[in-house]
């Protein structure tokens, strides 16, 4: 498991025990507060917890998505994906709730 630590801030891999908290932060509400600062061209859709669990394999121990913790409390995620890898065009996102 990859872990980055700086005083009270930790960035680490996602574990199965984190999924309920992540779902609550990201998908439970129709209009979560973090969406106010998100790119307006990305639509946000709620998901049931069971729908979220159907895709848990892409979250757990992912190299492209990590948990952000402050004082051992999950506050969000940091992630990346290649928009166009040959040109090194990397997109990244930070969600903090």
N, C-alpha and C. Protein backbone atom coordinates (compact mmCIF):
# COMPACT_ATOMS: atom_id res chain seq x y z
N UNK A 1 0.85 -1.18 0.00
CA UNK A 1 0.00 0.00 0.00
C UNK A 1 0.89 1.24 0.00
N UNK A 2 0.60 2.15 -0.90
CA UNK A 2 1.34 3.41 -0.95
C UNK A 2 0.76 4.40 0.04
N UNK A 3 1.64 5.02 0.83
CA UNK A 3 1.19 6.02 1.79
C UNK A 3 2.14 7.21 1.73
N UNK A 4 1.56 8.40 1.63
CA UNK A 4 2.31 9.64 1.75
C UNK A 4 1.81 10.33 3.00
N UNK A 5 2.74 10.80 3.83
CA UNK A 5 2.34 11.39 5.11
C UNK A 5 3.11 12.69 5.33
N UNK A 6 2.39 13.72 5.75
CA UNK A 6 2.99 14.99 6.12
C UNK A 6 2.23 15.52 7.33
N UNK A 7 2.79 15.34 8.48
CA UNK A 7 2.14 15.70 9.75
C UNK A 7 0.78 15.04 9.84
N UNK A 8 -0.32 15.81 9.85
CA UNK A 8 -1.64 15.20 10.04
C UNK A 8 -2.31 14.80 8.72
N UNK A 9 -1.69 15.08 7.57
CA UNK A 9 -2.27 14.75 6.26
C UNK A 9 -1.69 13.44 5.74
N UNK A 10 -2.58 12.56 5.31
CA UNK A 10 -2.17 11.27 4.74
C UNK A 10 -2.87 11.08 3.41
N UNK A 11 -2.11 10.64 2.40
CA UNK A 11 -2.68 10.23 1.12
C UNK A 11 -2.33 8.76 0.97
N UNK A 12 -3.37 7.94 0.80
CA UNK A 12 -3.14 6.48 0.80
C UNK A 12 -4.11 5.77 -0.13
N UNK A 13 -3.83 4.49 -0.35
CA UNK A 13 -4.71 3.65 -1.15
C UNK A 13 -6.08 3.52 -0.48
N UNK A 14 -7.07 3.26 -1.29
CA UNK A 14 -8.44 3.06 -0.81
C UNK A 14 -8.61 1.61 -0.41
N UNK A 15 -9.23 1.41 0.76
CA UNK A 15 -9.53 0.07 1.26
C UNK A 15 -11.05 -0.15 1.19
N UNK A 16 -11.45 -1.39 1.25
CA UNK A 16 -12.87 -1.70 1.19
C UNK A 16 -13.63 -1.03 2.33
N UNK A 17 -13.01 -0.90 3.48
CA UNK A 17 -13.67 -0.28 4.63
C UNK A 17 -13.90 1.23 4.42
N UNK A 18 -13.28 1.83 3.41
CA UNK A 18 -13.46 3.25 3.11
C UNK A 18 -14.65 3.52 2.20
N UNK A 19 -15.20 2.50 1.57
CA UNK A 19 -16.18 2.71 0.51
C UNK A 19 -17.45 3.41 0.96
N UNK A 20 -17.95 3.10 2.12
CA UNK A 20 -19.18 3.75 2.61
C UNK A 20 -18.95 5.25 2.78
N UNK A 21 -17.81 5.63 3.31
CA UNK A 21 -17.50 7.05 3.50
C UNK A 21 -17.35 7.74 2.15
N UNK A 22 -16.65 7.10 1.21
CA UNK A 22 -16.48 7.70 -0.12
C UNK A 22 -17.82 7.88 -0.82
N UNK A 23 -18.66 6.85 -0.75
CA UNK A 23 -19.98 6.96 -1.37
C UNK A 23 -20.75 8.14 -0.77
N UNK A 24 -20.69 8.27 0.55
CA UNK A 24 -21.40 9.37 1.22
C UNK A 24 -20.86 10.72 0.74
N UNK A 25 -19.55 10.85 0.61
CA UNK A 25 -18.95 12.11 0.19
C UNK A 25 -19.22 12.44 -1.29
N UNK A 26 -19.26 11.41 -2.14
CA UNK A 26 -19.28 11.65 -3.58
C UNK A 26 -20.66 11.45 -4.21
N UNK A 27 -21.34 10.37 -3.88
CA UNK A 27 -22.53 9.98 -4.65
C UNK A 27 -23.86 10.02 -3.91
N UNK A 28 -23.86 10.14 -2.61
CA UNK A 28 -25.12 10.07 -1.85
C UNK A 28 -26.04 11.25 -2.14
N UNK A 29 -25.47 12.46 -2.15
CA UNK A 29 -26.28 13.66 -2.33
C UNK A 29 -26.38 14.05 -3.80
N UNK A 30 -27.53 14.58 -4.17
CA UNK A 30 -27.71 15.05 -5.54
C UNK A 30 -26.87 16.29 -5.84
N UNK A 31 -26.73 17.17 -4.86
CA UNK A 31 -25.96 18.40 -5.04
C UNK A 31 -24.94 18.57 -3.92
N UNK A 32 -23.87 17.75 -3.92
CA UNK A 32 -22.89 17.88 -2.85
C UNK A 32 -22.16 19.23 -2.95
N UNK A 33 -21.71 19.73 -1.81
CA UNK A 33 -21.07 21.04 -1.78
C UNK A 33 -19.83 21.11 -2.68
N UNK A 34 -19.04 20.01 -2.75
CA UNK A 34 -17.82 20.05 -3.55
C UNK A 34 -18.12 20.31 -5.03
N UNK A 35 -19.33 19.98 -5.48
CA UNK A 35 -19.68 20.16 -6.89
C UNK A 35 -19.74 21.65 -7.26
N UNK A 36 -19.91 22.53 -6.27
CA UNK A 36 -19.90 23.97 -6.55
C UNK A 36 -18.58 24.44 -7.16
N UNK A 37 -17.49 23.70 -6.87
CA UNK A 37 -16.16 24.08 -7.36
C UNK A 37 -15.64 23.12 -8.42
N UNK A 38 -16.46 22.21 -8.86
CA UNK A 38 -16.05 21.24 -9.87
C UNK A 38 -16.26 21.83 -11.27
N UNK A 39 -15.62 21.22 -12.25
CA UNK A 39 -15.80 21.65 -13.63
C UNK A 39 -17.27 21.55 -14.01
N UNK A 40 -17.84 22.62 -14.53
CA UNK A 40 -19.29 22.63 -14.81
C UNK A 40 -19.70 21.70 -15.95
N UNK A 41 -18.75 21.27 -16.77
CA UNK A 41 -19.09 20.41 -17.90
C UNK A 41 -19.14 18.93 -17.53
N UNK A 42 -18.83 18.59 -16.27
CA UNK A 42 -18.99 17.22 -15.79
C UNK A 42 -20.29 17.14 -15.00
N UNK A 43 -21.23 16.37 -15.50
CA UNK A 43 -22.48 16.19 -14.77
C UNK A 43 -22.26 15.28 -13.56
N UNK A 44 -22.99 15.55 -12.51
CA UNK A 44 -22.92 14.73 -11.32
C UNK A 44 -24.22 13.94 -11.20
N UNK A 45 -24.09 12.64 -10.93
CA UNK A 45 -25.26 11.78 -10.75
C UNK A 45 -25.12 11.03 -9.43
N UNK A 46 -26.20 10.96 -8.70
CA UNK A 46 -26.18 10.16 -7.48
C UNK A 46 -26.15 8.68 -7.88
N UNK A 47 -25.71 7.86 -6.93
CA UNK A 47 -25.72 6.41 -7.11
C UNK A 47 -26.14 5.82 -5.78
N UNK A 48 -26.85 4.72 -5.87
CA UNK A 48 -27.13 3.98 -4.64
C UNK A 48 -25.81 3.35 -4.16
N UNK A 49 -25.77 3.01 -2.90
CA UNK A 49 -24.56 2.38 -2.38
C UNK A 49 -24.29 1.07 -3.10
N UNK A 50 -25.33 0.32 -3.43
CA UNK A 50 -25.14 -0.95 -4.15
C UNK A 50 -24.57 -0.73 -5.55
N UNK A 51 -25.03 0.33 -6.22
CA UNK A 51 -24.46 0.66 -7.54
C UNK A 51 -22.98 1.00 -7.40
N UNK A 52 -22.65 1.76 -6.38
CA UNK A 52 -21.26 2.12 -6.12
C UNK A 52 -20.42 0.87 -5.84
N UNK A 53 -20.96 -0.06 -5.07
CA UNK A 53 -20.23 -1.30 -4.76
C UNK A 53 -19.97 -2.14 -6.00
N UNK A 54 -20.84 -2.04 -7.00
CA UNK A 54 -20.64 -2.79 -8.25
C UNK A 54 -19.33 -2.40 -8.93
N UNK A 55 -18.83 -1.21 -8.67
CA UNK A 55 -17.58 -0.76 -9.30
C UNK A 55 -16.43 -0.63 -8.30
N UNK A 56 -16.55 -1.32 -7.17
CA UNK A 56 -15.55 -1.18 -6.12
C UNK A 56 -14.14 -1.60 -6.56
N UNK A 57 -14.05 -2.52 -7.50
CA UNK A 57 -12.73 -2.98 -7.94
C UNK A 57 -11.90 -1.88 -8.59
N UNK A 58 -12.55 -0.87 -9.15
CA UNK A 58 -11.77 0.22 -9.75
C UNK A 58 -11.31 1.24 -8.71
N UNK A 59 -11.85 1.14 -7.49
CA UNK A 59 -11.48 2.06 -6.40
C UNK A 59 -10.44 1.48 -5.46
N UNK A 60 -10.62 0.22 -5.06
CA UNK A 60 -9.75 -0.39 -4.05
C UNK A 60 -8.35 -0.60 -4.60
N UNK A 61 -7.36 -0.09 -3.87
CA UNK A 61 -5.94 -0.21 -4.22
C UNK A 61 -5.60 0.31 -5.61
N UNK A 62 -6.37 1.27 -6.09
CA UNK A 62 -6.12 1.86 -7.40
C UNK A 62 -4.84 2.70 -7.37
N UNK A 63 -4.07 2.64 -8.45
CA UNK A 63 -2.91 3.52 -8.57
C UNK A 63 -3.33 4.93 -8.95
N UNK A 64 -4.54 5.07 -9.50
CA UNK A 64 -4.97 6.37 -10.02
C UNK A 64 -5.89 7.15 -9.07
N UNK A 65 -6.30 6.54 -7.96
CA UNK A 65 -7.15 7.25 -7.02
C UNK A 65 -6.71 6.91 -5.60
N UNK A 66 -6.59 7.96 -4.79
CA UNK A 66 -6.14 7.80 -3.40
C UNK A 66 -7.08 8.55 -2.46
N UNK A 67 -7.07 8.14 -1.22
CA UNK A 67 -7.81 8.78 -0.13
C UNK A 67 -6.97 9.94 0.41
N UNK A 68 -7.64 11.02 0.80
CA UNK A 68 -7.00 12.09 1.55
C UNK A 68 -7.58 12.03 2.96
N UNK A 69 -6.71 11.92 3.95
CA UNK A 69 -7.12 11.91 5.35
C UNK A 69 -6.46 13.07 6.08
N UNK A 70 -7.19 13.67 6.99
CA UNK A 70 -6.63 14.67 7.89
C UNK A 70 -7.00 14.23 9.29
N UNK A 71 -5.97 14.08 10.12
CA UNK A 71 -6.19 13.61 11.49
C UNK A 71 -7.02 12.33 11.53
N UNK A 72 -6.69 11.40 10.62
CA UNK A 72 -7.32 10.08 10.51
C UNK A 72 -8.79 10.13 10.09
N UNK A 73 -9.22 11.26 9.52
CA UNK A 73 -10.61 11.40 9.02
C UNK A 73 -10.55 11.58 7.50
N UNK A 74 -11.30 10.77 6.76
CA UNK A 74 -11.33 10.87 5.30
C UNK A 74 -12.05 12.14 4.91
N UNK A 75 -11.36 12.99 4.14
CA UNK A 75 -11.98 14.25 3.70
C UNK A 75 -12.13 14.33 2.19
N UNK A 76 -11.57 13.37 1.44
CA UNK A 76 -11.71 13.42 0.00
C UNK A 76 -10.79 12.46 -0.72
N UNK A 77 -10.60 12.76 -2.02
CA UNK A 77 -9.75 11.93 -2.88
C UNK A 77 -8.87 12.80 -3.75
N UNK A 78 -7.82 12.20 -4.23
CA UNK A 78 -6.99 12.80 -5.26
C UNK A 78 -6.83 11.71 -6.33
N UNK A 79 -6.95 12.11 -7.60
CA UNK A 79 -6.92 11.12 -8.68
C UNK A 79 -6.29 11.71 -9.95
N UNK A 80 -5.97 10.82 -10.88
CA UNK A 80 -5.46 11.26 -12.18
C UNK A 80 -5.85 10.26 -13.26
N UNK A 81 -5.82 10.73 -14.48
CA UNK A 81 -5.95 9.84 -15.64
C UNK A 81 -5.26 10.51 -16.82
N UNK A 82 -4.85 9.70 -17.77
CA UNK A 82 -4.22 10.21 -18.98
C UNK A 82 -5.28 10.64 -19.98
N UNK A 83 -5.29 11.90 -20.31
CA UNK A 83 -6.13 12.40 -21.40
C UNK A 83 -5.52 11.96 -22.73
N UNK A 84 -4.17 12.07 -22.81
CA UNK A 84 -3.43 11.66 -24.00
C UNK A 84 -2.00 11.36 -23.57
N UNK A 85 -1.72 10.09 -23.28
CA UNK A 85 -0.42 9.71 -22.71
C UNK A 85 0.77 10.02 -23.62
N UNK A 86 0.68 9.80 -24.95
CA UNK A 86 1.85 10.11 -25.78
C UNK A 86 2.34 11.56 -25.67
N UNK A 87 1.40 12.49 -25.46
CA UNK A 87 1.80 13.89 -25.33
C UNK A 87 1.98 14.30 -23.87
N UNK A 88 1.85 13.33 -22.95
CA UNK A 88 1.98 13.58 -21.51
C UNK A 88 0.90 14.53 -20.98
N UNK A 89 -0.30 14.47 -21.54
CA UNK A 89 -1.42 15.28 -21.10
C UNK A 89 -2.14 14.52 -19.98
N UNK A 90 -1.85 14.91 -18.77
CA UNK A 90 -2.37 14.25 -17.59
C UNK A 90 -3.44 15.13 -16.95
N UNK A 91 -4.58 14.55 -16.66
CA UNK A 91 -5.65 15.26 -15.94
C UNK A 91 -5.64 14.77 -14.50
N UNK A 92 -5.85 15.68 -13.57
CA UNK A 92 -5.92 15.27 -12.17
C UNK A 92 -7.08 15.97 -11.50
N UNK A 93 -7.54 15.37 -10.42
CA UNK A 93 -8.65 15.96 -9.68
C UNK A 93 -8.46 15.79 -8.19
N UNK A 94 -8.95 16.74 -7.47
CA UNK A 94 -8.94 16.68 -6.01
C UNK A 94 -10.36 17.00 -5.55
N UNK A 95 -10.92 16.10 -4.75
CA UNK A 95 -12.23 16.34 -4.16
C UNK A 95 -12.01 16.42 -2.65
N UNK A 96 -12.41 17.54 -2.08
CA UNK A 96 -12.33 17.73 -0.63
C UNK A 96 -13.70 18.14 -0.14
N UNK A 97 -14.19 17.42 0.84
CA UNK A 97 -15.53 17.71 1.37
C UNK A 97 -15.43 18.19 2.80
